[in-house]
């Protein structure tokens, strides 16, 4: 047999640590907070430059699910895209900016989630997902960048998180 496939099958269910952290993230990503920290505290129409692959929408997840990508691999992808998005926003903020601490706290939650995902090896994840993750972390990919509003990045982050963790982690839709 192929050990990589078994490893992914074993990770189909979300780990308790993942669920705990996604609940904390859901609290931090409440609409009022996203609105205040990602819209009101930024200039009108402010955007951050992100790579094309760093925008993950519910429609992307639906398409990948239809392509029989495992839930574990989708969560792995969401983690990489979302933590990168938070980092992108955090990097443009001076420390005195009112949203700095908020993005710092979000990033710390993703950092903790990264510990949960450290048991995933690239080989355990379907090629389609592994390739996207590689692109996200490859320095020369800026050529395919797009301007996205900070709030839109976090809106996507939350919507996709609810799609992927809503059932296994019993996330309410607060």
Foldseek 3Di string as FASTA:
>chain_A
DDVLQVVVVVPLFPDPLLLVLLLVLLVLLPPVNLCVLQPVLDPPPAWFKAAPLLADAPVNVVVVVVVVWGLSLLVVLLLLSLLLLLVRVLVVDDCPRPNNVSSVVSNVSSVSVVVVVVPRDLSSGDPVSSVSSVLRPDDPRSVRIDIDRSSSSSVRSSVSSCVSPCPSSVHDND
